[in-house]
Amino acid sequence: MNPEILIWARRTAGLSVKEAAHALGFKDTSSRSAAERLEILEAGEEEPSRSVLLRMAKAYRRSLLVFYLKEPPRTGDRGQDFRTVAGAQPPLFDPVLDALIRDLRGRQTIAKFLLQENEASPVPFIGIGSIDQPAEALARRMVEEMSFSLTEYRRQQTIELAFRYLRTKIEGTGVFLLLLGNLGSHHTNISTDIFRGFAIADHVAPFIVINDQDARAAWAFTAIHELAHLWLGTTGVSSISSEARIERYCNDAASEVLFPAVELEQLARIRTATLSDTIDAITTFAKDRKISRAMVAYKLQRAGVIGEARWRELGQYLRQEWLASRARREDQVDERGGPSYYVVKRHRLGNALLSLARSSLGEGILTPTKAGQLLGVKPRNVDPLLSGALLGEGR
């Protein structure tokens, strides 16, 4: 065994020697500390037992087979990183994000195989867009492809129902839309500063992933933003940054779908308004249209209705208010309890992925084990997850 693999696996899991030794259950003894025991293994002075390797695989979120490679594999491909400005240094390595992306690519590979087995037609719009065309033109094309009605979207009673309507339209085009912001536990929650959305541009099984740690009001905007990436044929990570050219373009296209420029005149009076009055006007406007206040502020800044300084001031205020609101909601959930495990899972996975898993199992193409990998659950949980979805639980 190449001991460099052990070092690589620990570091890419974001763990120090001391943290990893604790995660592996190593104990201090009279002759050496837990950390020293791990250092000896990483130096190749001792060979790890199979039980230790199994614990490493779990703690480092790696397949057991990885530890038998001749040399450390290359860092997992995130695709493009749309969060950075051209020529800037890439963001710091984030092991939880990379683990999530590895998991997503594995799921997407299974979904693609199942669709190819069923001779599914390719999704026609992947990669046919261009950043050289106006963002408004791409917005019109996306609306037409989805058969999306802004009136119907706004007619929904709640912002959650409005997102459900949009999600149905996006998935109807052949795109899988998932809500994932951790590795299955709140201990691995990924901040929206690191990741707001992710797109896998594939002609057979394109994926959009939204960080569900984000405000629900922001989900619709992120969904269309990532859909714009699919039209451009780009795979990668998006965040809240709007500095990179491609991010501005996708932001502009998404905001045009949900907040057409012709409606800007209704907020023209806030050019000279105070910060408090601006917040009140944006709040009312966004609530009526089932969109986020941050998106309204972005559109106003891009149109020149408000300046850069006021936009950043608004962004800081809205973010702090959202963080405080989220903390209050989490306290309420702790007191009242939340929805069941299966209801939450179905909501995160979406009908498109659930339907593919159910039909593939029924046809014998998919085993329960592979279905569990596709859905991110244990094999024994596949049947109740899919049965409940079939009965319409949690709707």
Foldseek 3Di string as FASTA:
>chain_A
DQLQLVVVLQVLLVHDLVRVLVQLVAQQDPVGGSSVVNVCSSVVVDPDDVSSLVSSCVSSVHDSVQVVDPHHDDQDDQFDAQQDAPPDDDDDRDSFVSSVVVLVVLLLVVLLVLQVVVVHAWLPQFQQDDLPDALQVVLVVLCVLLVDDLVVLLVDPALVVSVVVVQVSVVVSVEWEFEAQGLPDPVGGDDLQFAAWWWQQDRHYIYIYGHNVDDSLAVQLSVQLNVVCRSNNGTHGDHPHCNYSSSVSSLVNSLCNQPNPVCVVVVLVCLPPDLVVSVVVLVVVCRSSSHDSLSVLVVCCVVVSYDPVSNVVVVVVVVVVVVVVVVVVVVVCVVVPDDDPLLVLDVRRDPSLLVSLVVCVVVVNDDLCVSCSNSVHHSVCSVVSSVCVVVPPND
